[in-house]
Amino acid sequence: MNPDLVFVVGVVILALAFPAAISAFSSSDVTVKPAIICVVVGSSLIVLASSMSSGGYSVTEIPAIVMRLLK
């Protein structure tokens, strides 16, 4: 599996999970578990992709990785 794809999927899951987590925590809602699961899955995918990649990833590389996958 392509580590760039795994990394981008993890970043997207994290980006979608944070607003849900903040909303659930601020309203003291019981449905915090899906947001926490998404944070764990997204973080795990990013760690997996970093371990699969030879040099790892830096924050400045993220736009280039996304553009490379979209082409």
PDB file of N, CA and C in Angstrom:
ATOM      1  N   MET A   1       0.850  -1.175   0.000  1.00  0.00           N
ATOM      2  CA  MET A   1       0.000   0.000   0.000  1.00  0.00           C
ATOM      3  C   MET A   1       0.897   1.240   0.000  1.00  0.00           C
ATOM      4  N   ASN A   2       0.456   2.258  -0.680  1.00  0.00           N
ATOM      5  CA  ASN A   2       1.211   3.491  -0.814  1.00  0.00           C
ATOM      6  C   ASN A   2       1.212   4.260   0.519  1.00  0.00           C
ATOM      7  N   PRO A   3       2.394   4.542   1.082  1.00  0.00           N
ATOM      8  CA  PRO A   3       2.415   5.255   2.367  1.00  0.00           C
ATOM      9  C   PRO A   3       1.872   6.678   2.261  1.00  0.00           C
ATOM     10  N   ASP A   4       1.998   7.302   1.095  1.00  0.00           N
ATOM     11  CA  ASP A   4       1.441   8.648   0.926  1.00  0.00           C
ATOM     12  C   ASP A   4      -0.074   8.635   1.042  1.00  0.00           C
ATOM     13  N   LEU A   5      -0.699   7.617   0.464  1.00  0.00           N
ATOM     14  CA  LEU A   5      -2.152   7.495   0.541  1.00  0.00           C
ATOM     15  C   LEU A   5      -2.603   7.256   1.979  1.00  0.00           C
ATOM     16  N   VAL A   6      -1.899   6.398   2.683  1.00  0.00           N
ATOM     17  CA  VAL A   6      -2.232   6.119   4.082  1.00  0.00           C
ATOM     18  C   VAL A   6      -2.090   7.390   4.914  1.00  0.00           C
ATOM     19  N   PHE A   7      -1.034   8.157   4.646  1.00  0.00           N
ATOM     20  CA  PHE A   7      -0.804   9.395   5.380  1.00  0.00           C
ATOM     21  C   PHE A   7      -1.929  10.401   5.139  1.00  0.00           C
ATOM     22  N   VAL A   8      -2.314  10.596   3.895  1.00  0.00           N
ATOM     23  CA  VAL A   8      -3.355  11.574   3.566  1.00  0.00           C
ATOM     24  C   VAL A   8      -4.708  11.142   4.139  1.00  0.00           C
ATOM     25  N   VAL A   9      -5.018   9.867   4.087  1.00  0.00           N
ATOM     26  CA  VAL A   9      -6.269   9.387   4.676  1.00  0.00           C
ATOM     27  C   VAL A   9      -6.271   9.637   6.185  1.00  0.00           C
ATOM     28  N   GLY A  10      -5.142   9.412   6.837  1.00  0.00           N
ATOM     29  CA  GLY A  10      -5.038   9.684   8.265  1.00  0.00           C
ATOM     30  C   GLY A  10      -5.216  11.156   8.588  1.00  0.00           C
ATOM     31  N   VAL A  11      -4.622  12.022   7.767  1.00  0.00           N
ATOM     32  CA  VAL A  11      -4.764  13.468   7.986  1.00  0.00           C
ATOM     33  C   VAL A  11      -6.214  13.907   7.786  1.00  0.00           C
ATOM     34  N   VAL A  12      -6.877  13.362   6.778  1.00  0.00           N
ATOM     35  CA  VAL A  12      -8.278  13.717   6.524  1.00  0.00           C
ATOM     36  C   VAL A  12      -9.173  13.248   7.675  1.00  0.00           C
ATOM     37  N   ILE A  13      -8.937  12.041   8.162  1.00  0.00           N
ATOM     38  CA  ILE A  13      -9.737  11.541   9.285  1.00  0.00           C
ATOM     39  C   ILE A  13      -9.529  12.419  10.513  1.00  0.00           C
ATOM     40  N   LEU A  14      -8.274  12.808  10.774  1.00  0.00           N
ATOM     41  CA  LEU A  14      -8.017  13.695  11.908  1.00  0.00           C
ATOM     42  C   LEU A  14      -8.675  15.049  11.717  1.00  0.00           C
ATOM     43  N   ALA A  15      -8.623  15.571  10.502  1.00  0.00           N
ATOM     44  CA  ALA A  15      -9.233  16.875  10.243  1.00  0.00           C
ATOM     45  C   ALA A  15     -10.744  16.837  10.453  1.00  0.00           C
ATOM     46  N   LEU A  16     -11.367  15.732  10.138  1.00  0.00           N
ATOM     47  CA  LEU A  16     -12.804  15.605  10.340  1.00  0.00           C
ATOM     48  C   LEU A  16     -13.161  15.270  11.787  1.00  0.00           C
ATOM     49  N   ALA A  17     -12.239  14.663  12.512  1.00  0.00           N
ATOM     50  CA  ALA A  17     -12.530  14.237  13.879  1.00  0.00           C
ATOM     51  C   ALA A  17     -12.436  15.367  14.887  1.00  0.00           C
ATOM     52  N   PHE A  18     -11.547  16.320  14.679  1.00  0.00           N
ATOM     53  CA  PHE A  18     -11.353  17.365  15.676  1.00  0.00           C
ATOM     54  C   PHE A  18     -12.578  18.252  15.875  1.00  0.00           C
ATOM     55  N   PRO A  19     -13.261  18.715  14.833  1.00  0.00           N
ATOM     56  CA  PRO A  19     -14.483  19.491  15.098  1.00  0.00           C
ATOM     57  C   PRO A  19     -15.555  18.675  15.819  1.00  0.00           C
ATOM     58  N   ALA A  20     -15.670  17.408  15.479  1.00  0.00           N
ATOM     59  CA  ALA A  20     -16.647  16.555  16.152  1.00  0.00           C
ATOM     60  C   ALA A  20     -16.286  16.363  17.622  1.00  0.00           C
ATOM     61  N   ALA A  21     -15.008  16.192  17.906  1.00  0.00           N
ATOM     62  CA  ALA A  21     -14.571  16.011  19.286  1.00  0.00           C
ATOM     63  C   ALA A  21     -14.773  17.278  20.104  1.00  0.00           C
ATOM     64  N   ILE A  22     -14.434  18.409  19.545  1.00  0.00           N
ATOM     65  CA  ILE A  22     -14.599  19.678  20.258  1.00  0.00           C
ATOM     66  C   ILE A  22     -16.077  19.947  20.516  1.00  0.00           C
ATOM     67  N   SER A  23     -16.921  19.674  19.535  1.00  0.00           N
ATOM     68  CA  SER A  23     -18.356  19.861  19.708  1.00  0.00           C
ATOM     69  C   SER A  23     -18.913  18.935  20.789  1.00  0.00           C
ATOM     70  N   ALA A  24     -18.475  17.688  20.781  1.00  0.00           N
ATOM     71  CA  ALA A  24     -18.976  16.732  21.769  1.00  0.00           C
ATOM     72  C   ALA A  24     -18.497  17.085  23.173  1.00  0.00           C
ATOM     73  N   PHE A  25     -17.246  17.510  23.294  1.00  0.00           N
ATOM     74  CA  PHE A  25     -16.738  17.875  24.618  1.00  0.00           C
ATOM     75  C   PHE A  25     -17.399  19.145  25.141  1.00  0.00           C
ATOM     76  N   SER A  26     -17.644  20.100  24.269  1.00  0.00           N
ATOM     77  CA  SER A  26     -18.214  21.371  24.731  1.00  0.00           C
ATOM     78  C   SER A  26     -19.681  21.237  25.142  1.00  0.00           C
ATOM     79  N   SER A  27     -20.386  20.312  24.520  1.00  0.00           N
ATOM     80  CA  SER A  27     -21.799  20.140  24.878  1.00  0.00           C
ATOM     81  C   SER A  27     -22.002  19.050  25.922  1.00  0.00           C
ATOM     82  N   SER A  28     -20.910  18.483  26.418  1.00  0.00           N
ATOM     83  CA  SER A  28     -20.961  17.392  27.405  1.00  0.00           C
ATOM     84  C   SER A  28     -21.842  16.252  26.926  1.00  0.00           C
ATOM     85  N   ASP A  29     -21.725  15.985  25.639  1.00  0.00           N
ATOM     86  CA  ASP A  29     -22.529  14.933  25.031  1.00  0.00           C
ATOM     87  C   ASP A  29     -21.904  13.567  25.318  1.00  0.00           C
ATOM     88  N   VAL A  30     -22.735  12.557  25.357  1.00  0.00           N
ATOM     89  CA  VAL A  30     -22.271  11.205  25.642  1.00  0.00           C
ATOM     90  C   VAL A  30     -21.611  10.590  24.407  1.00  0.00           C
ATOM     91  N   THR A  31     -21.868  11.117  23.236  1.00  0.00           N
ATOM     92  CA  THR A  31     -21.382  10.525  21.989  1.00  0.00           C
ATOM     93  C   THR A  31     -19.982  11.012  21.632  1.00  0.00           C
ATOM     94  N   VAL A  32     -19.087  10.998  22.590  1.00  0.00           N
ATOM     95  CA  VAL A  32     -17.705  11.394  22.357  1.00  0.00           C
ATOM     96  C   VAL A  32     -16.915  10.243  21.750  1.00  0.00           C
ATOM     97  N   LYS A  33     -17.389   9.019  21.956  1.00  0.00           N
ATOM     98  CA  LYS A  33     -16.637   7.845  21.520  1.00  0.00           C
ATOM     99  C   LYS A  33     -16.333   7.817  20.022  1.00  0.00           C
ATOM    100  N   PRO A  34     -17.262   8.137  19.123  1.00  0.00           N
ATOM    101  CA  PRO A  34     -16.905   8.124  17.702  1.00  0.00           C
ATOM    102  C   PRO A  34     -15.788   9.114  17.354  1.00  0.00           C
ATOM    103  N   ALA A  35     -15.806  10.267  17.980  1.00  0.00           N
ATOM    104  CA  ALA A  35     -14.755  11.242  17.712  1.00  0.00           C
ATOM    105  C   ALA A  35     -13.412  10.742  18.220  1.00  0.00           C
ATOM    106  N   ILE A  36     -13.406  10.124  19.385  1.00  0.00           N
ATOM    107  CA  ILE A  36     -12.162   9.586  19.925  1.00  0.00           C
ATOM    108  C   ILE A  36     -11.645   8.444  19.061  1.00  0.00           C
ATOM    109  N   ILE A  37     -12.537   7.614  18.571  1.00  0.00           N
ATOM    110  CA  ILE A  37     -12.137   6.515  17.691  1.00  0.00           C
ATOM    111  C   ILE A  37     -11.525   7.068  16.408  1.00  0.00           C
ATOM    112  N   CYS A  38     -12.117   8.120  15.852  1.00  0.00           N
ATOM    113  CA  CYS A  38     -11.565   8.724  14.639  1.00  0.00           C
ATOM    114  C   CYS A  38     -10.188   9.326  14.886  1.00  0.00           C
ATOM    115  N   VAL A  39      -9.986   9.945  16.040  1.00  0.00           N
ATOM    116  CA  VAL A  39      -8.672  10.499  16.369  1.00  0.00           C
ATOM    117  C   VAL A  39      -7.644   9.374  16.487  1.00  0.00           C
ATOM    118  N   VAL A  40      -8.009   8.285  17.122  1.00  0.00           N
ATOM    119  CA  VAL A  40      -7.086   7.160  17.270  1.00  0.00           C
ATOM    120  C   VAL A  40      -6.768   6.534  15.920  1.00  0.00           C
ATOM    121  N   VAL A  41      -7.785   6.337  15.084  1.00  0.00           N
ATOM    122  CA  VAL A  41      -7.566   5.728  13.768  1.00  0.00           C
ATOM    123  C   VAL A  41      -6.718   6.647  12.878  1.00  0.00           C
ATOM    124  N   GLY A  42      -7.031   7.939  12.852  1.00  0.00           N
ATOM    125  CA  GLY A  42      -6.262   8.875  12.050  1.00  0.00           C
ATOM    126  C   GLY A  42      -4.816   8.962  12.497  1.00  0.00           C
ATOM    127  N   SER A  43      -4.593   9.022  13.795  1.00  0.00           N
ATOM    128  CA  SER A  43      -3.233   9.067  14.331  1.00  0.00           C
ATOM    129  C   SER A  43      -2.479   7.780  14.019  1.00  0.00           C
ATOM    130  N   SER A  44      -3.164   6.664  14.136  1.00  0.00           N
ATOM    131  CA  SER A  44      -2.529   5.374  13.833  1.00  0.00           C
ATOM    132  C   SER A  44      -2.133   5.278  12.368  1.00  0.00           C
ATOM    133  N   LEU A  45      -2.984   5.781  11.484  1.00  0.00           N
ATOM    134  CA  LEU A  45      -2.650   5.756  10.059  1.00  0.00           C
ATOM    135  C   LEU A  45      -1.446   6.647   9.754  1.00  0.00           C
ATOM    136  N   ILE A  46      -1.359   7.793  10.412  1.00  0.00           N
ATOM    137  CA  ILE A  46      -0.213   8.673  10.194  1.00  0.00           C
ATOM    138  C   ILE A  46       1.077   8.013  10.698  1.00  0.00           C
ATOM    139  N   VAL A  47       1.025   7.376  11.854  1.00  0.00           N
ATOM    140  CA  VAL A  47       2.198   6.679  12.385  1.00  0.00           C
ATOM    141  C   VAL A  47       2.580   5.515  11.477  1.00  0.00           C
ATOM    142  N   LEU A  48       1.596   4.776  10.988  1.00  0.00           N
ATOM    143  CA  LEU A  48       1.857   3.666  10.075  1.00  0.00           C
ATOM    144  C   LEU A  48       2.525   4.164   8.797  1.00  0.00           C
ATOM    145  N   ALA A  49       2.009   5.245   8.232  1.00  0.00           N
ATOM    146  CA  ALA A  49       2.585   5.783   7.008  1.00  0.00           C
ATOM    147  C   ALA A  49       4.007   6.290   7.241  1.00  0.00           C
ATOM    148  N   SER A  50       4.246   6.902   8.379  1.00  0.00           N
ATOM    149  CA  SER A  50       5.594   7.383   8.686  1.00  0.00           C
ATOM    150  C   SER A  50       6.573   6.233   8.843  1.00  0.00           C
ATOM    151  N   SER A  51       6.101   5.131   9.407  1.00  0.00           N
ATOM    152  CA  SER A  51       6.991   3.980   9.547  1.00  0.00           C
ATOM    153  C   SER A  51       7.210   3.264   8.213  1.00  0.00           C
ATOM    154  N   MET A  52       6.244   3.337   7.305  1.00  0.00           N
ATOM    155  CA  MET A  52       6.388   2.722   5.989  1.00  0.00           C
ATOM    156  C   MET A  52       7.268   3.558   5.072  1.00  0.00           C
ATOM    157  N   SER A  53       7.298   4.866   5.276  1.00  0.00           N
ATOM    158  CA  SER A  53       8.106   5.750   4.451  1.00  0.00           C
ATOM    159  C   SER A  53       9.548   5.717   4.930  1.00  0.00           C
ATOM    160  N   SER A  54      10.473   5.818   3.994  1.00  0.00           N
ATOM    161  CA  SER A  54      11.883   5.689   4.365  1.00  0.00           C
ATOM    162  C   SER A  54      12.383   6.868   5.197  1.00  0.00           C
ATOM    163  N   GLY A  55      11.979   8.094   4.851  1.00  0.00           N
ATOM    164  CA  GLY A  55      12.480   9.253   5.569  1.00  0.00           C
ATOM    165  C   GLY A  55      11.474   9.904   6.486  1.00  0.00           C
ATOM    166  N   GLY A  56      10.280   9.370   6.558  1.00  0.00           N
ATOM    167  CA  GLY A  56       9.235   9.993   7.355  1.00  0.00           C
ATOM    168  C   GLY A  56       8.638  11.180   6.628  1.00  0.00           C
ATOM    169  N   TYR A  57       7.881  11.989   7.326  1.00  0.00           N
ATOM    170  CA  TYR A  57       7.203  13.141   6.743  1.00  0.00           C
ATOM    171  C   TYR A  57       7.440  14.370   7.604  1.00  0.00           C
ATOM    172  N   SER A  58       7.435  15.517   6.948  1.00  0.00           N
ATOM    173  CA  SER A  58       7.476  16.776   7.679  1.00  0.00           C
ATOM    174  C   SER A  58       6.220  17.570   7.332  1.00  0.00           C
ATOM    175  N   VAL A  59       5.933  18.570   8.131  1.00  0.00           N
ATOM    176  CA  VAL A  59       4.718  19.366   7.920  1.00  0.00           C
ATOM    177  C   VAL A  59       4.772  20.093   6.583  1.00  0.00           C
ATOM    178  N   THR A  60       5.939  20.512   6.159  1.00  0.00           N
ATOM    179  CA  THR A  60       6.056  21.247   4.893  1.00  0.00           C
ATOM    180  C   THR A  60       5.828  20.358   3.678  1.00  0.00           C
ATOM    181  N   GLU A  61       5.903  19.049   3.845  1.00  0.00           N
ATOM    182  CA  GLU A  61       5.694  18.126   2.726  1.00  0.00           C
ATOM    183  C   GLU A  61       4.231  17.789   2.471  1.00  0.00           C
ATOM    184  N   ILE A  62       3.352  18.100   3.395  1.00  0.00           N
ATOM    185  CA  ILE A  62       1.952  17.674   3.286  1.00  0.00           C
ATOM    186  C   ILE A  62       1.274  18.191   2.016  1.00  0.00           C
ATOM    187  N   PRO A  63       1.396  19.477   1.645  1.00  0.00           N
ATOM    188  CA  PRO A  63       0.750  19.907   0.394  1.00  0.00           C
ATOM    189  C   PRO A  63       1.291  19.182  -0.842  1.00  0.00           C
ATOM    190  N   ALA A  64       2.584  18.923  -0.870  1.00  0.00           N
ATOM    191  CA  ALA A  64       3.167  18.216  -2.018  1.00  0.00           C
ATOM    192  C   ALA A  64       2.672  16.776  -2.083  1.00  0.00           C
ATOM    193  N   ILE A  65       2.505  16.154  -0.941  1.00  0.00           N
ATOM    194  CA  ILE A  65       2.000  14.774  -0.909  1.00  0.00           C
ATOM    195  C   ILE A  65       0.573  14.725  -1.425  1.00  0.00           C
ATOM    196  N   VAL A  66      -0.262  15.663  -0.992  1.00  0.00           N
ATOM    197  CA  VAL A  66      -1.657  15.705  -1.438  1.00  0.00           C
ATOM    198  C   VAL A  66      -1.713  15.942  -2.943  1.00  0.00           C
ATOM    199  N   MET A  67      -0.934  16.882  -3.442  1.00  0.00           N
ATOM    200  CA  MET A  67      -0.949  17.169  -4.888  1.00  0.00           C
ATOM    201  C   MET A  67      -0.446  15.978  -5.684  1.00  0.00           C
ATOM    202  N   ARG A  68       0.543  15.255  -5.166  1.00  0.00           N
ATOM    203  CA  ARG A  68       1.062  14.079  -5.855  1.00  0.00           C
ATOM    204  C   ARG A  68      -0.015  13.004  -5.941  1.00  0.00           C
ATOM    205  N   LEU A  69      -0.838  12.877  -4.914  1.00  0.00           N
ATOM    206  CA  LEU A  69      -1.891  11.864  -4.938  1.00  0.00           C
ATOM    207  C   LEU A  69      -3.044  12.266  -5.854  1.00  0.00           C
ATOM    208  N   LEU A  70      -3.304  13.562  -5.971  1.00  0.00           N
ATOM    209  CA  LEU A  70      -4.422  14.021  -6.803  1.00  0.00           C
ATOM    210  C   LEU A  70      -4.116  13.972  -8.288  1.00  0.00           C
ATOM    211  N   LYS A  71      -2.844  13.913  -8.652  1.00  0.00           N
ATOM    212  CA  LYS A  71      -2.493  13.869 -10.088  1.00  0.00           C
ATOM    213  C   LYS A  71      -2.722  12.531 -10.691  1.00  0.00           C
TER     214      LYS A  71
END
